[in-house]
C-alpha atoms as a PDB file:
ATOM      1  CA  MET A   1      -8.305 -77.540  17.950  1.00  0.00           C
ATOM      2  CA  PHE A   2      -5.357 -74.588  16.503  1.00  0.00           C
ATOM      3  CA  LEU A   3      -7.269 -72.597  14.104  1.00  0.00           C
ATOM      4  CA  VAL A   4      -5.461 -70.083  11.825  1.00  0.00           C
ATOM      5  CA  SER A   5      -7.851 -68.051   9.451  1.00  0.00           C
ATOM      6  CA  ILE A   6      -6.465 -66.247   6.894  1.00  0.00           C
ATOM      7  CA  LEU A   7      -7.294 -63.955   4.047  1.00  0.00           C
ATOM      8  CA  LEU A   8      -4.671 -63.813   1.359  1.00  0.00           C
ATOM      9  CA  GLU A   9      -3.882 -60.565  -0.363  1.00  0.00           C
ATOM     10  CA  ALA A  10      -1.854 -60.327  -3.210  1.00  0.00           C
ATOM     11  CA  ARG A  11      -0.990 -56.688  -4.283  1.00  0.00           C
ATOM     12  CA  GLY A  12      -4.613 -55.425  -3.717  1.00  0.00           C
ATOM     13  CA  ASN A  13      -6.445 -58.623  -5.123  1.00  0.00           C
ATOM     14  CA  HIS A  14      -8.154 -60.138  -2.274  1.00  0.00           C
ATOM     15  CA  ILE A  15      -8.833 -64.143  -2.365  1.00  0.00           C
ATOM     16  CA  PRO A  16     -11.824 -65.329  -0.049  1.00  0.00           C
ATOM     17  CA  SER A  17     -10.533 -66.496   3.389  1.00  0.00           C
ATOM     18  CA  ILE A  18      -9.278 -69.852   3.938  1.00  0.00           C
ATOM     19  CA  ASP A  19      -9.219 -71.842   7.571  1.00  0.00           C
ATOM     20  CA  PHE A  20      -6.540 -74.255   8.360  1.00  0.00           C
ATOM     21  CA  GLU A  21      -7.119 -76.419  11.520  1.00  0.00           C
ATOM     22  CA  ARG A  22      -4.690 -78.667  13.393  1.00  0.00           C
ATOM     23  CA  GLU A  23      -4.814 -80.350  16.675  1.00  0.00           C
ATOM     24  CA  GLY A  24      -3.162 -78.851  19.819  1.00  0.00           C
ATOM     25  CA  SER A  25      -0.655 -75.998  20.111  1.00  0.00           C
ATOM     26  CA  ALA A  26       3.255 -76.141  20.799  1.00  0.00           C
ATOM     27  CA  VAL A  27       3.199 -73.334  23.016  1.00  0.00           C
ATOM     28  CA  SER A  28      -0.079 -73.623  24.981  1.00  0.00           C
ATOM     29  CA  GLY A  29      -1.912 -77.075  23.817  1.00  0.00           C
ATOM     30  CA  LYS A  30      -5.291 -74.940  23.880  1.00  0.00           C
ATOM     31  CA  VAL A  31      -7.205 -72.468  22.062  1.00  0.00           C
ATOM     32  CA  ASN A  32      -6.865 -69.004  23.710  1.00  0.00           C
ATOM     33  CA  ARG A  33      -8.173 -65.539  21.832  1.00  0.00           C
ATOM     34  CA  SER A  34      -6.968 -64.856  17.898  1.00  0.00           C
ATOM     35  CA  VAL A  35      -4.198 -62.343  17.081  1.00  0.00           C
ATOM     36  CA  SER A  36      -4.171 -60.879  13.909  1.00  0.00           C
ATOM     37  CA  PHE A  37      -1.129 -60.761  11.506  1.00  0.00           C
ATOM     38  CA  SER A  38      -0.208 -59.548   8.364  1.00  0.00           C
ATOM     39  CA  LYS A  39       2.598 -61.800   6.020  1.00  0.00           C
ATOM     40  CA  MET A  40       4.904 -59.423   4.635  1.00  0.00           C
ATOM     41  CA  SER A  41       8.031 -59.905   2.187  1.00  0.00           C
ATOM     42  CA  GLY A  42      10.805 -57.922   1.583  1.00  0.00           C
ATOM     43  CA  HIS A  43      12.848 -59.139  -1.502  1.00  0.00           C
ATOM     44  CA  GLY A  44      11.962 -62.475  -0.404  1.00  0.00           C
ATOM     45  CA  ASN A  45      13.178 -61.724   3.510  1.00  0.00           C
ATOM     46  CA  ASP A  46       9.499 -63.002   5.046  1.00  0.00           C
ATOM     47  CA  PHE A  47       7.584 -61.550   7.921  1.00  0.00           C
ATOM     48  CA  ILE A  48       4.719 -62.270  10.346  1.00  0.00           C
ATOM     49  CA  ILE A  49       4.179 -58.577  11.667  1.00  0.00           C
ATOM     50  CA  ILE A  50       1.549 -58.045  14.666  1.00  0.00           C
ATOM     51  CA  ASP A  51       0.081 -55.005  16.292  1.00  0.00           C
ATOM     52  CA  GLY A  52       1.151 -55.370  19.719  1.00  0.00           C
ATOM     53  CA  ARG A  53       0.033 -52.079  21.147  1.00  0.00           C
ATOM     54  CA  SER A  54      -2.538 -53.641  23.414  1.00  0.00           C
ATOM     55  CA  GLY A  55       0.107 -54.182  26.023  1.00  0.00           C
ATOM     56  CA  GLU A  56      -2.307 -57.791  27.224  1.00  0.00           C
ATOM     57  CA  GLY A  57       0.072 -58.865  29.828  1.00  0.00           C
ATOM     58  CA  ALA A  58       3.266 -60.811  29.320  1.00  0.00           C
ATOM     59  CA  VAL A  59       3.055 -62.909  25.881  1.00  0.00           C
ATOM     60  CA  PRO A  60       5.832 -65.772  24.929  1.00  0.00           C
ATOM     61  CA  TRP A  61       6.672 -63.977  21.704  1.00  0.00           C
ATOM     62  CA  PRO A  62       9.808 -66.196  21.438  1.00  0.00           C
ATOM     63  CA  ASP A  63       7.888 -69.839  21.696  1.00  0.00           C
ATOM     64  CA  HIS A  64       5.583 -67.790  18.946  1.00  0.00           C
ATOM     65  CA  ALA A  65       8.377 -66.671  16.820  1.00  0.00           C
ATOM     66  CA  ARG A  66       9.251 -70.622  16.973  1.00  0.00           C
ATOM     67  CA  GLU A  67       6.577 -72.009  16.180  1.00  0.00           C
ATOM     68  CA  TRP A  68       4.477 -69.581  13.251  1.00  0.00           C
ATOM     69  CA  CYS A  69       8.218 -68.803  12.050  1.00  0.00           C
ATOM     70  CA  ARG A  70       7.808 -72.696  10.838  1.00  0.00           C
ATOM     71  CA  ARG A  71       8.162 -73.329   7.364  1.00  0.00           C
ATOM     72  CA  ARG A  72       5.782 -75.818   5.946  1.00  0.00           C
ATOM     73  CA  ILE A  73       3.799 -77.062   9.036  1.00  0.00           C
ATOM     74  CA  SER A  74       2.975 -73.342   9.717  1.00  0.00           C
ATOM     75  CA  ILE A  75       3.030 -69.722   8.858  1.00  0.00           C
ATOM     76  CA  GLY A  76       6.372 -69.704   7.958  1.00  0.00           C
ATOM     77  CA  ALA A  77       9.015 -67.035   8.137  1.00  0.00           C
ATOM     78  CA  ASP A  78      12.146 -65.331   8.871  1.00  0.00           C
ATOM     79  CA  GLY A  79      11.085 -63.869  11.475  1.00  0.00           C
ATOM     80  CA  LEU A  80       8.284 -62.281  13.708  1.00  0.00           C
ATOM     81  CA  MET A  81       8.062 -58.397  14.467  1.00  0.00           C
ATOM     82  CA  ILE A  82       5.735 -57.036  17.024  1.00  0.00           C
ATOM     83  CA  ILE A  83       4.748 -53.384  17.377  1.00  0.00           C
ATOM     84  CA  GLU A  84       4.269 -52.009  20.606  1.00  0.00           C
ATOM     85  CA  PRO A  85       4.019 -48.283  22.206  1.00  0.00           C
ATOM     86  CA  SER A  86       6.564 -46.224  22.828  1.00  0.00           C
ATOM     87  CA  ALA A  87       7.574 -43.380  24.693  1.00  0.00           C
ATOM     88  CA  ALA A  88      10.680 -41.625  22.281  1.00  0.00           C
ATOM     89  CA  ALA A  89       8.647 -42.816  18.440  1.00  0.00           C
ATOM     90  CA  ASP A  90       5.818 -43.516  16.650  1.00  0.00           C
ATOM     91  CA  PHE A  91       6.157 -47.069  17.764  1.00  0.00           C
ATOM     92  CA  ARG A  92       8.618 -49.676  19.443  1.00  0.00           C
ATOM     93  CA  LEU A  93       9.899 -52.949  17.166  1.00  0.00           C
ATOM     94  CA  ARG A  94      10.638 -55.747  18.507  1.00  0.00           C
ATOM     95  CA  ILE A  95      12.203 -58.287  16.177  1.00  0.00           C
ATOM     96  CA  PHE A  96      12.290 -62.386  17.109  1.00  0.00           C
ATOM     97  CA  ASN A  97      14.350 -64.640  14.735  1.00  0.00           C
ATOM     98  CA  ALA A  98      12.734 -67.645  13.322  1.00  0.00           C
ATOM     99  CA  ASP A  99      14.524 -69.441  16.280  1.00  0.00           C
ATOM    100  CA  GLY A 100      12.989 -66.879  19.111  1.00  0.00           C
ATOM    101  CA  SER A 101      16.025 -65.021  19.647  1.00  0.00           C
ATOM    102  CA  GLU A 102      15.308 -61.437  19.928  1.00  0.00           C
ATOM    103  CA  ALA A 103      17.261 -59.290  17.699  1.00  0.00           C
ATOM    104  CA  GLU A 104      18.851 -55.545  17.782  1.00  0.00           C
ATOM    105  CA  MET A 105      17.811 -54.735  14.622  1.00  0.00           C
ATOM    106  CA  CYS A 106      16.398 -56.004  10.939  1.00  0.00           C
ATOM    107  CA  GLY A 107      16.748 -53.813   7.787  1.00  0.00           C
ATOM    108  CA  ASN A 108      13.888 -55.763   5.484  1.00  0.00           C
ATOM    109  CA  GLY A 109      12.001 -56.565   8.805  1.00  0.00           C
ATOM    110  CA  ALA A 110      12.111 -52.549   9.834  1.00  0.00           C
ATOM    111  CA  ARG A 111      11.097 -51.809   6.085  1.00  0.00           C
ATOM    112  CA  CYS A 112       8.177 -54.289   6.020  1.00  0.00           C
ATOM    113  CA  ALA A 113       6.974 -52.927   9.919  1.00  0.00           C
ATOM    114  CA  ALA A 114       7.081 -49.398   8.224  1.00  0.00           C
ATOM    115  CA  ALA A 115       4.863 -50.199   5.560  1.00  0.00           C
ATOM    116  CA  TYR A 116       2.441 -51.914   7.747  1.00  0.00           C
ATOM    117  CA  ALA A 117       2.576 -48.937  10.376  1.00  0.00           C
ATOM    118  CA  GLU A 118       1.638 -46.903   7.704  1.00  0.00           C
ATOM    119  CA  ARG A 119      -1.159 -49.009   6.010  1.00  0.00           C
ATOM    120  CA  GLN A 120      -2.848 -49.769   9.743  1.00  0.00           C
ATOM    121  CA  GLY A 121      -2.565 -46.341  10.638  1.00  0.00           C
ATOM    122  CA  ILE A 122       0.136 -46.777  13.601  1.00  0.00           C
ATOM    123  CA  ALA A 123       2.184 -43.926  11.861  1.00  0.00           C
ATOM    124  CA  PRO A 124       2.560 -41.536   9.003  1.00  0.00           C
ATOM    125  CA  GLN A 125       4.591 -41.798   6.096  1.00  0.00           C
ATOM    126  CA  ARG A 126       7.639 -40.371   7.451  1.00  0.00           C
ATOM    127  CA  MET A 127       7.875 -41.845  10.720  1.00  0.00           C
ATOM    128  CA  THR A 128       9.879 -43.209  13.399  1.00  0.00           C
ATOM    129  CA  MET A 129      10.629 -46.456  15.204  1.00  0.00           C
ATOM    130  CA  GLU A 130      12.297 -47.461  18.341  1.00  0.00           C
ATOM    131  CA  THR A 131      14.730 -50.784  18.258  1.00  0.00           C
ATOM    132  CA  MET A 132      17.223 -52.481  20.305  1.00  0.00           C
ATOM    133  CA  ALA A 133      19.906 -50.296  17.694  1.00  0.00           C
ATOM    134  CA  GLY A 134      18.202 -47.224  18.390  1.00  0.00           C
ATOM    135  CA  LEU A 135      16.133 -44.728  16.836  1.00  0.00           C
ATOM    136  CA  VAL A 136      14.854 -45.768  12.844  1.00  0.00           C
ATOM    137  CA  ARG A 137      13.511 -43.135  10.495  1.00  0.00           C
ATOM    138  CA  ALA A 138      11.102 -44.845   7.887  1.00  0.00           C
ATOM    139  CA  SER A 139       9.632 -43.171   4.552  1.00  0.00           C
ATOM    140  CA  VAL A 140       6.759 -45.330   2.887  1.00  0.00           C
ATOM    141  CA  GLU A 141       5.863 -44.058  -0.640  1.00  0.00           C
ATOM    142  CA  ASP A 142       3.455 -46.848  -1.944  1.00  0.00           C
ATOM    143  CA  ASP A 143       5.643 -50.223  -1.865  1.00  0.00           C
ATOM    144  CA  VAL A 144       8.692 -48.480  -2.065  1.00  0.00           C
ATOM    145  CA  VAL A 145      10.060 -48.057   1.859  1.00  0.00           C
ATOM    146  CA  ALA A 146      13.404 -46.397   3.035  1.00  0.00           C
ATOM    147  CA  ILE A 147      14.606 -46.537   6.541  1.00  0.00           C
ATOM    148  CA  GLN A 148      17.646 -44.945   7.868  1.00  0.00           C
ATOM    149  CA  LEU A 149      19.546 -47.178  10.293  1.00  0.00           C
ATOM    150  CA  THR A 150      21.646 -45.986  13.103  1.00  0.00           C
ATOM    151  CA  ASN A 151      25.121 -45.097  12.135  1.00  0.00           C
ATOM    152  CA  PRO A 152      27.437 -48.634  11.643  1.00  0.00           C
ATOM    153  CA  SER A 153      30.153 -49.202  14.068  1.00  0.00           C
ATOM    154  CA  SER A 154      32.847 -51.558  14.768  1.00  0.00           C
ATOM    155  CA  MET A 155      34.311 -51.778  11.313  1.00  0.00           C
ATOM    156  CA  LYS A 156      37.620 -53.944  10.896  1.00  0.00           C
ATOM    157  CA  ASP A 157      39.830 -53.437   7.706  1.00  0.00           C
ATOM    158  CA  GLU A 158      40.718 -57.232   6.295  1.00  0.00           C
ATOM    159  CA  ALA A 159      41.479 -60.257   9.488  1.00  0.00           C
ATOM    160  CA  ILE A 160      42.646 -63.528   8.638  1.00  0.00           C
ATOM    161  CA  LEU A 161      40.342 -66.689   9.870  1.00  0.00           C
ATOM    162  CA  GLU A 162      41.586 -70.103  10.588  1.00  0.00           C
ATOM    163  CA  ILE A 163      38.084 -72.074   9.032  1.00  0.00           C
ATOM    164  CA  GLU A 164      38.925 -75.895   8.469  1.00  0.00           C
ATOM    165  CA  GLY A 165      42.653 -75.581   8.012  1.00  0.00           C
ATOM    166  CA  GLU A 166      42.732 -72.553   5.652  1.00  0.00           C
ATOM    167  CA  THR A 167      43.102 -69.072   6.559  1.00  0.00           C
ATOM    168  CA  VAL A 168      40.256 -67.208   4.908  1.00  0.00           C
ATOM    169  CA  PRO A 169      40.137 -63.297   4.852  1.00  0.00           C
ATOM    170  CA  CYS A 170      37.461 -61.327   5.967  1.00  0.00           C
ATOM    171  CA  TRP A 171      36.059 -58.080   7.242  1.00  0.00           C
ATOM    172  CA  PHE A 172      33.418 -57.054   9.709  1.00  0.00           C
ATOM    173  CA  ILE A 173      31.256 -54.203  10.253  1.00  0.00           C
ATOM    174  CA  ASN A 174      28.011 -53.326  12.924  1.00  0.00           C
ATOM    175  CA  THR A 175      24.999 -52.473  10.880  1.00  0.00           C
ATOM    176  CA  GLY A 176      22.691 -52.874  13.555  1.00  0.00           C
ATOM    177  CA  VAL A 177      23.971 -56.455  13.988  1.00  0.00           C
ATOM    178  CA  PRO A 178      27.273 -58.116  13.353  1.00  0.00           C
ATOM    179  CA  HIS A 179      27.916 -58.939   9.874  1.00  0.00           C
ATOM    180  CA  THR A 180      31.461 -60.639   9.050  1.00  0.00           C
ATOM    181  CA  ILE A 181      32.179 -60.306   4.905  1.00  0.00           C
ATOM    182  CA  MET A 182      33.503 -62.479   2.978  1.00  0.00           C
ATOM    183  CA  TYR A 183      34.228 -62.262  -0.884  1.00  0.00           C
ATOM    184  CA  ARG A 184      34.323 -64.961  -3.591  1.00  0.00           C
ATOM    185  CA  HIS A 185      34.369 -65.009  -7.688  1.00  0.00           C
ATOM    186  CA  GLY A 186      31.096 -66.311  -8.843  1.00  0.00           C
ATOM    187  CA  VAL A 187      28.959 -65.755  -5.809  1.00  0.00           C
ATOM    188  CA  ALA A 188      25.479 -66.427  -7.652  1.00  0.00           C
ATOM    189  CA  ASP A 189      26.831 -69.936  -8.709  1.00  0.00           C
ATOM    190  CA  ILE A 190      28.056 -71.003  -4.934  1.00  0.00           C
ATOM    191  CA  PRO A 191      25.812 -73.870  -3.986  1.00  0.00           C
ATOM    192  CA  ALA A 192      23.117 -73.566  -1.488  1.00  0.00           C
ATOM    193  CA  ASP A 193      24.986 -76.109   0.834  1.00  0.00           C
ATOM    194  CA  GLU A 194      28.262 -74.498   0.590  1.00  0.00           C
ATOM    195  CA  VAL A 195      27.050 -71.647   1.608  1.00  0.00           C
ATOM    196  CA  ALA A 196      24.961 -73.063   4.490  1.00  0.00           C
ATOM    197  CA  ARG A 197      28.312 -74.832   5.864  1.00  0.00           C
ATOM    198  CA  MET A 198      30.669 -72.179   5.524  1.00  0.00           C
ATOM    199  CA  GLY A 199      27.863 -69.724   6.860  1.00  0.00           C
ATOM    200  CA  ARG A 200      27.188 -71.897   9.416  1.00  0.00           C
ATOM    201  CA  THR A 201      30.916 -72.392  10.647  1.00  0.00           C
ATOM    202  CA  VAL A 202      31.563 -68.550  10.157  1.00  0.00           C
ATOM    203  CA  ARG A 203      28.892 -67.531  12.540  1.00  0.00           C
ATOM    204  CA  PHE A 204      30.026 -70.213  15.176  1.00  0.00           C
ATOM    205  CA  HIS A 205      33.761 -69.142  14.943  1.00  0.00           C
ATOM    206  CA  PRO A 206      35.667 -68.872  18.246  1.00  0.00           C
ATOM    207  CA  ALA A 207      36.773 -65.201  17.299  1.00  0.00           C
ATOM    208  CA  PHE A 208      32.364 -64.088  16.802  1.00  0.00           C
ATOM    209  CA  ALA A 209      31.761 -65.843  20.438  1.00  0.00           C
ATOM    210  CA  PRO A 210      29.629 -65.583  22.120  1.00  0.00           C
ATOM    211  CA  ALA A 211      27.154 -63.578  19.999  1.00  0.00           C
ATOM    212  CA  GLY A 212      28.131 -64.483  16.606  1.00  0.00           C
ATOM    213  CA  THR A 213      27.789 -63.030  13.532  1.00  0.00           C
ATOM    214  CA  ASN A 214      25.715 -62.970  10.185  1.00  0.00           C
ATOM    215  CA  VAL A 215      27.868 -63.661   7.550  1.00  0.00           C
ATOM    216  CA  ASP A 216      28.015 -61.924   3.823  1.00  0.00           C
ATOM    217  CA  PHE A 217      29.608 -63.685   0.584  1.00  0.00           C
ATOM    218  CA  VAL A 218      30.049 -60.757  -1.595  1.00  0.00           C
ATOM    219  CA  GLU A 219      31.439 -59.856  -5.140  1.00  0.00           C
ATOM    220  CA  VAL A 220      31.958 -56.492  -6.828  1.00  0.00           C
ATOM    221  CA  ILE A 221      30.689 -56.544 -10.024  1.00  0.00           C
ATOM    222  CA  GLU A 222      30.975 -53.171 -11.087  1.00  0.00           C
ATOM    223  CA  ARG A 223      31.350 -49.611  -9.212  1.00  0.00           C
ATOM    224  CA  GLY A 224      28.132 -49.188  -7.934  1.00  0.00           C
ATOM    225  CA  ARG A 225      26.565 -52.412  -8.313  1.00  0.00           C
ATOM    226  CA  ILE A 226      27.588 -55.550  -5.955  1.00  0.00           C
ATOM    227  CA  LEU A 227      26.584 -59.301  -5.393  1.00  0.00           C
ATOM    228  CA  ALA A 228      25.615 -60.666  -2.036  1.00  0.00           C
ATOM    229  CA  ARG A 229      24.310 -63.677  -0.326  1.00  0.00           C
ATOM    230  CA  THR A 230      23.772 -63.782   3.152  1.00  0.00           C
ATOM    231  CA  TYR A 231      23.655 -66.368   6.192  1.00  0.00           C
ATOM    232  CA  GLU A 232      21.491 -64.958   9.099  1.00  0.00           C
ATOM    233  CA  ARG A 233      22.228 -65.644  12.784  1.00  0.00           C
ATOM    234  CA  GLY A 234      18.999 -66.574  14.159  1.00  0.00           C
ATOM    235  CA  VAL A 235      17.608 -67.922  11.156  1.00  0.00           C
ATOM    236  CA  GLU A 236      20.459 -70.268  10.624  1.00  0.00           C
ATOM    237  CA  ALA A 237      19.963 -70.622   6.950  1.00  0.00           C
ATOM    238  CA  GLU A 238      21.021 -68.478   4.144  1.00  0.00           C
ATOM    239  CA  THR A 239      17.797 -65.841   3.195  1.00  0.00           C
ATOM    240  CA  MET A 240      16.878 -64.456   0.010  1.00  0.00           C
ATOM    241  CA  ALA A 241      17.404 -60.964   1.199  1.00  0.00           C
ATOM    242  CA  CYS A 242      19.458 -59.115   4.085  1.00  0.00           C
ATOM    243  CA  GLY A 243      18.808 -55.500   4.544  1.00  0.00           C
ATOM    244  CA  THR A 244      21.564 -54.905   7.182  1.00  0.00           C
ATOM    245  CA  GLY A 245      23.864 -57.526   5.447  1.00  0.00           C
ATOM    246  CA  ALA A 246      23.687 -55.586   2.263  1.00  0.00           C
ATOM    247  CA  VAL A 247      24.467 -52.465   4.331  1.00  0.00           C
ATOM    248  CA  ALA A 248      27.182 -54.118   5.497  1.00  0.00           C
ATOM    249  CA  SER A 249      28.383 -55.499   2.070  1.00  0.00           C
ATOM    250  CA  ALA A 250      27.673 -51.941   0.490  1.00  0.00           C
ATOM    251  CA  ILE A 251      29.615 -50.050   2.914  1.00  0.00           C
ATOM    252  CA  ILE A 252      32.856 -52.522   3.181  1.00  0.00           C
ATOM    253  CA  SER A 253      32.910 -52.620  -0.433  1.00  0.00           C
ATOM    254  CA  SER A 254      32.699 -49.200  -1.256  1.00  0.00           C
ATOM    255  CA  VAL A 255      35.494 -48.645   1.400  1.00  0.00           C
ATOM    256  CA  PHE A 256      38.066 -51.579   0.710  1.00  0.00           C
ATOM    257  CA  LYS A 257      36.688 -53.225  -3.105  1.00  0.00           C
ATOM    258  CA  GLY A 258      36.374 -50.548  -5.033  1.00  0.00           C
ATOM    259  CA  ALA A 259      32.769 -50.243  -5.438  1.00  0.00           C
ATOM    260  CA  GLY A 260      32.629 -46.582  -5.432  1.00  0.00           C
ATOM    261  CA  THR A 261      30.567 -44.198  -3.906  1.00  0.00           C
ATOM    262  CA  PRO A 262      26.883 -44.709  -2.884  1.00  0.00           C
ATOM    263  CA  PRO A 263      24.386 -45.141  -3.866  1.00  0.00           C
ATOM    264  CA  ILE A 264      24.910 -48.622  -4.290  1.00  0.00           C
ATOM    265  CA  GLU A 265      23.123 -51.572  -5.933  1.00  0.00           C
ATOM    266  CA  VAL A 266      23.274 -54.669  -4.092  1.00  0.00           C
ATOM    267  CA  GLU A 267      21.577 -57.795  -5.854  1.00  0.00           C
ATOM    268  CA  MET A 268      20.474 -60.426  -3.644  1.00  0.00           C
ATOM    269  CA  PRO A 269      18.558 -63.559  -4.465  1.00  0.00           C
ATOM    270  CA  GLY A 270      15.258 -61.701  -3.504  1.00  0.00           C
ATOM    271  CA  GLY A 271      15.942 -58.562  -5.677  1.00  0.00           C
ATOM    272  CA  ILE A 272      18.106 -55.234  -5.591  1.00  0.00           C
ATOM    273  CA  LEU A 273      18.198 -53.221  -2.491  1.00  0.00           C
ATOM    274  CA  ILE A 274      19.530 -49.687  -2.787  1.00  0.00           C
ATOM    275  CA  VAL A 275      22.220 -48.501   0.126  1.00  0.00           C
ATOM    276  CA  ASP A 276      23.169 -45.382   0.383  1.00  0.00           C
ATOM    277  CA  PHE A 277      25.300 -43.280   3.389  1.00  0.00           C
ATOM    278  CA  LYS A 278      27.689 -40.727   3.696  1.00  0.00           C
ATOM    279  CA  LYS A 279      31.491 -41.235   4.711  1.00  0.00           C
ATOM    280  CA  LYS A 280      32.779 -38.685   7.655  1.00  0.00           C
ATOM    281  CA  GLY A 281      36.815 -39.449   8.027  1.00  0.00           C
ATOM    282  CA  ASN A 282      36.292 -43.127   9.859  1.00  0.00           C
ATOM    283  CA  ALA A 283      32.876 -42.937  10.524  1.00  0.00           C
ATOM    284  CA  PHE A 284      29.708 -43.477   8.323  1.00  0.00           C
ATOM    285  CA  GLU A 285      26.025 -41.875   8.728  1.00  0.00           C
ATOM    286  CA  ASP A 286      22.639 -41.084   6.992  1.00  0.00           C
ATOM    287  CA  VAL A 287      22.801 -44.615   5.889  1.00  0.00           C
ATOM    288  CA  TRP A 288      19.317 -45.502   4.399  1.00  0.00           C
ATOM    289  CA  LEU A 289      18.120 -48.686   2.880  1.00  0.00           C
ATOM    290  CA  LYS A 290      15.470 -49.087  -0.418  1.00  0.00           C
ATOM    291  CA  GLY A 291      13.698 -51.248  -1.493  1.00  0.00           C
ATOM    292  CA  ASN A 292      10.254 -52.460  -2.600  1.00  0.00           C
ATOM    293  CA  VAL A 293       7.792 -54.700   0.389  1.00  0.00           C
ATOM    294  CA  VAL A 294       4.654 -56.912  -0.433  1.00  0.00           C
ATOM    295  CA  PHE A 295       2.097 -57.396   1.293  1.00  0.00           C
ATOM    296  CA  VAL A 296       1.326 -61.711   0.869  1.00  0.00           C
ATOM    297  CA  TYR A 297      -1.605 -61.821   2.898  1.00  0.00           C
ATOM    298  CA  ASP A 298      -3.635 -60.948   6.248  1.00  0.00           C
ATOM    299  CA  GLY A 299      -4.723 -63.643   8.839  1.00  0.00           C
ATOM    300  CA  LYS A 300      -5.710 -64.590  12.104  1.00  0.00           C
ATOM    301  CA  LEU A 301      -4.424 -67.264  14.351  1.00  0.00           C
ATOM    302  CA  SER A 302      -4.857 -68.368  17.898  1.00  0.00           C
ATOM    303  CA  ARG A 303      -2.472 -67.840  21.017  1.00  0.00           C
END
């Protein structure tokens, strides 16, 4: 018997707990001890957050990510965030995509983890977390969370990709994870299936093998404001928002597309993220990503 017990909480309003049951477990086939989690969202980019500091031996987090992140038949999320002890920061953040792959960085996931850590007393309002991409600072003020990302790297000016018999201009930058930027008119009106098709094609393009790339479809609306939609590697779908994608889109748009100087508003399907940074020669530093986070509910599940 697989048991998930959820205590719903929406902006501080508590709803009685609800128990859901189904037969078996894709991971273990039997019930083990329960683990507490929080479901959180950063502009629709949603995550399962778990305090894993107890260090109870080897846990198959990739398997759990694949099982728990499935929508409609499980909790459902874009990723699984695990908080672990760190000797270099307030905590270590491990990031697992919905497909079980471990990611170097996730902007909105890190923002949600910061809010969780402050709420649980794991870290103060001003904190530092250790990620595979490096040390990340965060600031929590009520439901607004800002993170300072590691300095972007590997920025490339316009390049041409051969896609489906056509030449397509694109730009590239690594903001903790790789992002390829493509500019389109009417980004908000691109059909979802076209974003998925083109995103998947570029994500697996030989030019980015073997690691692949995230893909951002971007439009500059005016100075200081852009639209962006992201196909996320590891989720293998368009997400409502992407923090590292917002940062990548803002920097490339500022440098190459006349979007102006930061801060830059990045409008994504799930809401607006604010990106700020300093340009120093051909490098970027003091890169901040800010936006709201929401605690969707708390719960317990077996593993």
